[in-house]
Amino acid sequence: MKKHNYSAGPCILPQEVFEKSAQAVLNFNNSGLSLLEISHRSKDFVAVMDEARALALELLGLEGKGYQALFLHGGASLEFLMVPYNLMKENGKAAYLDSGTWASAAIKEAKFFGTTEIVGTSKEENYNHIPQNYSIPADADYFHCTSNNTIFGTQMKSFPETNVPVVCDMSSDIFSRQLDFSKFDIIYAGAQKNMGPAGTTLVIIKESILGQNGRTIPSMLDYSKHIKGESMYNTPAVFPVYASLLTLQWLKKNGGIAAVEKVNNAKAALLYAEIDRNPLFKGTANVADRSTMNACFLLENEAHAPIFDALWKEAGIVGLPGHRSVGGYRASMYNALPLESVQVLVNVMQVLENTI
């Protein structure tokens, strides 16, 4: 039976990425060696890293604009630490938007480095919306936000105009929609949502903002060191980087971000329309802030859960239960999830309606 994978991460990737990755594990580039055993300094893998870095910038429209792309370790969680280490001055200040669990985790790390001002928060409403009408201090060393909140199903639809450097955690919606990415000074994203398997993190950096905070930075946490080492200051995660390259190639071949955004909007529109129409369900996020990537919803009557759960499992749907912070259900509709899978979920929701 075909599976319809709604997992929030690690998550669905294009089928051709699985197939090509599997072949590379057996015999990479007809070398007679597995991708898992080749040297990261080999000509074949250096070519992979160079192409992956260049293609990331190309797809984001940042090629030739003073940006560098890195594939690093530690997930987005390590970037919570690396960002203030590289950008916050001694006795400096940073501005943070608190829109969810991961934004809150980033704030926690930044507090070790200096004053961390929370300019807006939706915590008291269990992060069911994106904070609005906040001001960013002109003397902040940078402003940090999270573009999409996987757990709570909210997404920033616009970004503030400011003269301070803007840092954005785009782990769960990078490469999913068109933005003016040149408005951001640092973008980081764990690969395991829209780009590849867990194990590497894409970091996009405007190089001119580095080296200005006066700190002595440990080598492994210094972006400049990783840029100079061309993302190989230490041994990179060879397999995740290769799978990420394959995913970026798939995205480019299928029309890039502009094309996939249209499909993503169609998927979200289909599911949210059913959530709003069907009297057995209700959404959890404010309508204006609903995420295109992660749709969170509840049953109006929890007594219907055993029937609904049996129905979606029988239909081949996996990864649908919501995070414990919200409960209910979470349909993660990343780039590789086909519209067909969303229709299957909508059909199941309608079957429940006709069954009760």
Protein backbone atom coordinates (compact mmCIF):
# COMPACT_ATOMS: atom_id res chain seq x y z
CA MET A 1 0.00 0.00 0.00
CA LYS A 2 1.22 3.50 -0.86
CA LYS A 3 2.10 5.50 2.24
CA HIS A 4 1.19 9.15 2.67
CA ASN A 5 3.90 10.57 4.91
CA TYR A 6 2.88 13.56 7.03
CA SER A 7 5.79 13.30 9.47
CA ALA A 8 7.09 16.64 10.73
CA GLY A 9 10.75 15.64 10.42
CA PRO A 10 12.65 13.65 9.47
CA CYS A 11 10.11 13.64 6.73
CA ILE A 12 9.13 12.80 3.19
CA LEU A 13 11.65 13.38 0.38
CA PRO A 14 11.28 12.84 -3.36
CA GLN A 15 11.29 9.17 -4.37
CA GLU A 16 14.10 9.74 -6.84
CA VAL A 17 16.26 11.09 -4.02
CA PHE A 18 15.81 7.83 -2.11
CA GLU A 19 16.62 5.79 -5.19
CA LYS A 20 19.74 7.74 -6.17
CA SER A 21 20.95 7.87 -2.57
CA ALA A 22 20.50 4.12 -2.22
CA GLN A 23 22.50 3.53 -5.40
CA ALA A 24 25.26 5.83 -4.14
CA VAL A 25 25.49 3.84 -0.92
CA LEU A 26 26.20 0.76 -3.01
CA ASN A 27 28.39 2.32 -5.71
CA PHE A 28 29.03 6.06 -5.83
CA ASN A 29 29.76 7.52 -9.28
CA ASN A 30 30.74 4.07 -10.57
CA SER A 31 33.80 4.23 -8.34
CA GLY A 32 33.29 0.77 -6.90
CA LEU A 33 33.09 2.43 -3.49
CA SER A 34 30.15 3.34 -1.29
CA LEU A 35 29.33 6.96 -0.64
CA LEU A 36 29.63 5.99 3.02
CA GLU A 37 33.30 5.06 2.72
CA ILE A 38 34.81 7.62 0.34
CA SER A 39 37.04 10.42 1.59
CA HIS A 40 35.35 13.76 2.03
CA ARG A 41 38.44 15.18 0.36
CA SER A 42 38.03 13.02 -2.73
CA LYS A 43 37.45 14.76 -6.04
CA ASP A 44 33.98 13.23 -6.33
CA PHE A 45 32.74 14.47 -2.98
CA VAL A 46 34.35 17.91 -3.22
CA ALA A 47 32.31 18.30 -6.41
CA VAL A 48 29.16 17.35 -4.47
CA MET A 49 29.83 19.92 -1.76
CA ASP A 50 30.67 22.66 -4.24
CA GLU A 51 27.52 22.04 -6.26
CA ALA A 52 25.28 21.80 -3.19
CA ARG A 53 26.54 25.12 -1.84
CA ALA A 54 26.23 26.84 -5.20
CA LEU A 55 22.78 25.42 -5.95
CA ALA A 56 21.42 26.51 -2.57
CA LEU A 57 22.42 30.10 -3.33
CA GLU A 58 21.10 29.89 -6.88
CA LEU A 59 17.66 28.65 -5.82
CA LEU A 60 17.40 31.41 -3.20
CA GLY A 61 18.41 34.07 -5.72
CA LEU A 62 21.56 34.94 -3.75
CA GLU A 63 24.22 33.89 -6.21
CA GLY A 64 26.86 36.62 -6.65
CA LYS A 65 25.37 38.82 -3.90
CA GLY A 66 28.02 38.40 -1.20
CA TYR A 67 26.54 35.33 0.48
CA GLN A 68 28.15 32.03 1.43
CA ALA A 69 26.40 28.69 1.89
CA LEU A 70 27.64 26.21 4.46
CA PHE A 71 26.64 22.67 5.41
CA LEU A 72 27.38 22.28 9.11
CA HIS A 73 26.70 19.90 11.99
CA GLY A 74 24.57 20.28 15.10
CA GLY A 75 21.18 21.03 13.61
CA ALA A 76 19.40 24.33 13.99
CA SER A 77 19.91 23.95 17.74
CA LEU A 78 23.63 24.64 17.41
CA GLU A 79 22.84 27.73 15.34
CA PHE A 80 20.96 29.08 18.38
CA LEU A 81 24.44 29.33 19.92
CA MET A 82 26.53 30.17 16.85
CA VAL A 83 24.43 33.19 15.85
CA PRO A 84 25.02 35.20 19.05
CA TYR A 85 28.64 34.04 19.22
CA ASN A 86 29.26 35.53 15.78
CA LEU A 87 26.96 38.57 15.84
CA MET A 88 26.37 39.80 19.40
CA LYS A 89 28.94 42.26 20.68
CA GLU A 90 30.43 42.08 24.16
CA ASN A 91 27.82 43.75 26.38
CA GLY A 92 25.65 43.87 23.29
CA LYS A 93 21.96 43.32 22.69
CA ALA A 94 19.87 41.20 20.37
CA ALA A 95 16.16 41.34 19.55
CA TYR A 96 14.13 38.11 19.34
CA LEU A 97 10.60 37.31 18.24
CA ASP A 98 9.14 34.56 20.43
CA SER A 99 6.69 32.68 18.22
CA GLY A 100 7.10 29.08 19.33
CA THR A 101 9.14 26.35 21.00
CA TRP A 102 12.21 26.68 18.78
CA ALA A 103 12.21 30.47 18.93
CA SER A 104 12.11 30.15 22.72
CA ALA A 105 15.05 27.74 22.61
CA ALA A 106 17.04 30.22 20.54
CA ILE A 107 16.30 32.94 23.08
CA LYS A 108 17.54 30.73 25.90
CA GLU A 109 20.95 30.33 24.22
CA ALA A 110 21.29 34.01 23.32
CA LYS A 111 20.85 35.02 26.96
CA PHE A 112 24.27 33.52 27.73
CA PHE A 113 25.89 36.20 25.54
CA GLY A 114 24.21 39.45 26.46
CA THR A 115 20.95 41.32 26.71
CA THR A 116 18.24 39.47 24.83
CA GLU A 117 15.15 41.56 24.28
CA ILE A 118 11.94 39.73 23.39
CA VAL A 119 10.19 42.21 21.12
CA GLY A 120 7.02 40.16 20.74
CA THR A 121 5.58 36.89 22.02
CA SER A 122 2.48 34.75 21.62
CA LYS A 123 3.40 32.38 24.44
CA GLU A 124 0.37 33.22 26.60
CA GLU A 125 -1.93 32.06 23.78
CA ASN A 126 0.06 28.82 23.36
CA TYR A 127 1.72 30.27 20.27
CA ASN A 128 -1.44 30.12 18.18
CA HIS A 129 -0.48 33.26 16.21
CA ILE A 130 2.51 35.28 15.04
CA PRO A 131 3.13 38.37 17.22
CA GLN A 132 2.36 41.65 15.50
CA ASN A 133 3.02 45.37 16.02
CA TYR A 134 6.43 44.97 17.61
CA SER A 135 9.42 47.29 17.35
CA ILE A 136 13.02 46.32 16.80
CA PRO A 137 15.53 48.44 18.75
CA ALA A 138 17.81 50.40 16.42
CA ASP A 139 20.80 49.55 18.61
CA ALA A 140 20.27 45.76 18.47
CA ASP A 141 23.17 43.77 17.07
CA TYR A 142 20.64 41.68 15.15
CA PHE A 143 16.99 40.61 15.01
CA HIS A 144 16.13 36.88 15.13
CA CYS A 145 12.89 35.25 14.03
CA THR A 146 11.54 31.80 13.15
CA SER A 147 9.71 31.80 9.83
CA ASN A 148 7.57 28.71 10.41
CA ASN A 149 6.57 27.10 13.69
CA THR A 150 6.31 23.37 13.07
CA ILE A 151 4.75 22.46 16.40
CA PHE A 152 2.02 25.11 16.43
CA GLY A 153 1.29 25.42 12.72
CA THR A 154 1.97 29.14 12.31
CA GLN A 155 4.03 30.93 9.69
CA MET A 156 5.32 34.46 9.20
CA LYS A 157 3.67 35.90 6.09
CA SER A 158 5.78 39.07 6.14
CA PHE A 159 9.00 40.22 7.75
CA PRO A 160 9.82 43.54 9.43
CA GLU A 161 11.73 46.33 7.74
CA THR A 162 14.78 47.16 9.86
CA ASN A 163 18.31 48.43 9.53
CA VAL A 164 19.75 45.83 11.90
CA PRO A 165 20.92 42.44 10.57
CA VAL A 166 18.07 39.94 10.24
CA VAL A 167 18.59 36.28 11.18
CA CYS A 168 15.93 33.70 10.39
CA ASP A 169 15.50 30.08 11.35
CA MET A 170 13.82 28.63 8.24
CA SER A 171 14.19 24.99 9.20
CA SER A 172 10.66 23.97 8.31
CA ASP A 173 9.84 26.12 5.29
CA ILE A 174 13.06 26.88 3.43
CA PHE A 175 12.76 26.39 -0.36
CA SER A 176 8.95 26.24 -0.04
CA ARG A 177 7.97 29.78 -1.03
CA GLN A 178 9.34 32.82 -2.78
CA LEU A 179 10.77 35.58 -0.60
CA ASP A 180 13.31 38.33 -1.08
CA PHE A 181 16.03 36.34 0.60
CA SER A 182 18.47 39.25 0.26
CA LYS A 183 16.63 40.90 3.15
CA PHE A 184 18.14 38.29 5.47
CA ASP A 185 21.72 38.35 6.71
CA ILE A 186 21.74 34.80 8.05
CA ILE A 187 19.33 32.01 7.18
CA TYR A 188 19.72 28.60 8.76
CA ALA A 189 17.77 25.39 8.40
CA GLY A 190 18.08 21.83 9.59
CA ALA A 191 17.99 19.67 6.47
CA GLN A 192 15.38 17.21 7.70
CA LYS A 193 12.25 19.07 6.60
CA ASN A 194 12.43 20.23 2.99
CA MET A 195 15.99 19.48 1.98
CA GLY A 196 17.40 16.14 3.05
CA PRO A 197 17.85 13.65 5.88
CA ALA A 198 18.80 14.62 9.41
CA GLY A 199 22.50 15.17 9.95
CA THR A 200 23.41 18.45 8.28
CA THR A 201 22.33 22.07 8.55
CA LEU A 202 22.31 24.64 5.77
CA VAL A 203 23.56 28.08 6.82
CA ILE A 204 23.38 31.02 4.42
CA ILE A 205 25.50 33.99 5.51
CA LYS A 206 26.03 37.49 4.19
CA GLU A 207 29.76 37.52 4.61
CA SER A 208 30.07 41.26 5.27
CA ILE A 209 28.33 41.02 8.67
CA LEU A 210 31.02 38.76 10.17
CA GLY A 211 34.05 39.77 12.23
CA GLN A 212 32.49 42.89 13.74
CA ASN A 213 31.55 41.90 17.27
CA GLY A 214 35.01 41.84 18.89
CA ARG A 215 34.59 38.38 20.39
CA THR A 216 37.10 35.58 20.44
CA ILE A 217 35.13 32.72 18.95
CA PRO A 218 36.01 29.02 19.35
CA SER A 219 37.08 27.69 15.97
CA MET A 220 34.24 25.21 15.49
CA LEU A 221 31.70 27.95 16.22
CA ASP A 222 33.27 30.59 13.97
CA TYR A 223 31.41 31.04 10.67
CA SER A 224 34.49 32.64 9.12
CA LYS A 225 36.51 29.49 9.76
CA HIS A 226 33.88 27.35 8.06
CA ILE A 227 33.70 29.71 5.09
CA LYS A 228 37.49 29.67 4.70
CA GLY A 229 37.40 25.86 4.92
CA GLU A 230 34.72 25.75 2.21
CA SER A 231 32.36 23.89 4.54
CA MET A 232 35.05 21.29 5.28
CA TYR A 233 36.76 22.80 8.32
CA ASN A 234 35.98 19.43 9.86
CA THR A 235 34.64 16.27 8.22
CA PRO A 236 31.18 17.06 6.82
CA ALA A 237 28.17 14.76 6.96
CA VAL A 238 28.83 13.19 3.57
CA PHE A 239 25.59 11.26 3.07
CA PRO A 240 23.17 14.00 4.24
CA VAL A 241 24.95 16.59 2.09
CA TYR A 242 24.71 14.33 -0.97
CA ALA A 243 21.01 13.62 -0.37
CA SER A 244 20.44 17.36 0.09
CA LEU A 245 22.13 18.01 -3.25
CA LEU A 246 19.83 15.49 -4.91
CA THR A 247 16.80 17.22 -3.38
CA LEU A 248 17.98 20.63 -4.57
CA GLN A 249 18.54 19.20 -8.05
CA TRP A 250 15.00 17.77 -7.98
CA LEU A 251 13.64 21.16 -6.96
CA LYS A 252 15.47 22.97 -9.76
CA LYS A 253 14.42 20.40 -12.35
CA ASN A 254 10.78 20.86 -11.36
CA GLY A 255 10.75 24.62 -11.73
CA GLY A 256 12.42 25.81 -8.54
CA ILE A 257 10.81 27.62 -5.64
CA ALA A 258 8.22 29.44 -7.78
CA ALA A 259 6.80 26.17 -9.08
CA VAL A 260 6.79 24.31 -5.78
CA GLU A 261 5.14 27.26 -4.02
CA LYS A 262 2.10 26.91 -6.29
CA VAL A 263 1.78 23.23 -5.40
CA ASN A 264 2.28 23.96 -1.69
CA ASN A 265 -0.42 26.63 -1.76
CA ALA A 266 -2.82 24.22 -3.47
CA LYS A 267 -2.17 21.52 -0.87
CA ALA A 268 -2.70 23.90 2.03
CA ALA A 269 -5.85 25.39 0.48
CA LEU A 270 -7.35 21.93 -0.03
CA LEU A 271 -6.74 20.79 3.55
CA TYR A 272 -7.66 24.02 5.32
CA ALA A 273 -10.88 24.25 3.30
CA GLU A 274 -11.89 20.84 4.61
CA ILE A 275 -10.91 21.69 8.19
CA ASP A 276 -13.10 24.80 8.02
CA ARG A 277 -15.99 23.10 6.21
CA ASN A 278 -16.19 19.85 8.14
CA PRO A 279 -18.10 20.31 11.43
CA LEU A 280 -16.08 17.52 13.08
CA PHE A 281 -12.77 19.44 12.92
CA LYS A 282 -11.30 22.78 13.90
CA GLY A 283 -7.94 24.43 13.28
CA THR A 284 -5.68 25.54 16.11
CA ALA A 285 -3.78 28.45 14.55
CA ASN A 286 -5.19 31.87 13.81
CA VAL A 287 -6.37 31.82 10.20
CA ALA A 288 -4.16 34.72 9.10
CA ASP A 289 -1.04 32.96 10.41
CA ARG A 290 -1.72 29.41 9.26
CA SER A 291 1.33 27.55 8.07
CA THR A 292 1.48 26.23 4.53
CA MET A 293 3.83 23.53 5.73
CA ASN A 294 2.21 22.30 8.96
CA ALA A 295 -1.57 22.26 9.38
CA CYS A 296 -2.59 21.64 12.99
CA PHE A 297 -6.17 20.67 13.77
CA LEU A 298 -8.36 19.03 16.42
CA LEU A 299 -11.50 16.96 16.53
CA GLU A 300 -14.44 18.86 17.96
CA ASN A 301 -15.29 15.70 19.90
CA GLU A 302 -12.37 13.61 21.12
CA ALA A 303 -14.67 10.60 21.39
CA HIS A 304 -14.38 10.34 17.60
CA ALA A 305 -10.60 9.89 17.75
CA PRO A 306 -10.53 6.05 17.73
CA ILE A 307 -12.68 5.95 14.58
CA PHE A 308 -10.73 8.68 12.81
CA ASP A 309 -7.38 7.13 13.76
CA ALA A 310 -8.42 3.78 12.37
CA LEU A 311 -9.61 5.39 9.13
CA TRP A 312 -6.43 7.34 8.35
CA LYS A 313 -4.20 4.42 9.26
CA GLU A 314 -6.22 2.15 6.98
CA ALA A 315 -5.74 4.69 4.17
CA GLY A 316 -1.95 4.42 4.46
CA ILE A 317 -1.45 7.76 6.22
CA VAL A 318 1.47 8.00 8.65
CA GLY A 319 2.91 10.70 10.89
CA LEU A 320 -0.39 12.50 11.51
CA PRO A 321 -0.58 12.83 15.33
CA GLY A 322 0.04 16.36 16.59
CA HIS A 323 2.78 17.45 18.94
CA ARG A 324 1.98 17.02 22.63
CA SER A 325 2.06 20.83 23.06
CA VAL A 326 -1.04 21.13 20.86
CA GLY A 327 -2.53 17.66 20.66
CA GLY A 328 -4.85 16.54 17.91
CA TYR A 329 -3.31 16.20 14.47
CA ARG A 330 -0.58 17.81 12.40
CA ALA A 331 -0.36 17.36 8.66
CA SER A 332 3.13 18.34 7.52
CA MET A 333 2.96 19.11 3.82
CA TYR A 334 6.56 19.58 2.79
CA ASN A 335 7.69 20.04 -0.82
CA ALA A 336 7.83 16.35 -1.71
CA LEU A 337 4.33 15.51 -0.45
CA PRO A 338 2.07 15.19 -3.51
CA LEU A 339 -1.35 16.82 -3.76
CA GLU A 340 -2.73 13.30 -4.07
CA SER A 341 -1.76 12.56 -0.46
CA VAL A 342 -3.64 15.61 0.78
CA GLN A 343 -6.73 14.48 -1.13
CA VAL A 344 -6.49 11.10 0.60
CA LEU A 345 -6.55 12.81 4.01
CA VAL A 346 -9.47 15.03 2.99
CA ASN A 347 -11.36 11.96 1.79
CA VAL A 348 -10.80 10.27 5.16
CA MET A 349 -12.10 13.34 6.98
CA GLN A 350 -15.24 13.24 4.84
CA VAL A 351 -15.68 9.52 5.47
CA LEU A 352 -15.62 10.26 9.20
CA GLU A 353 -18.25 12.95 8.72
CA ASN A 354 -20.50 10.51 6.86
CA THR A 355 -19.89 7.79 9.44
CA ILE A 356 -20.74 9.67 12.61
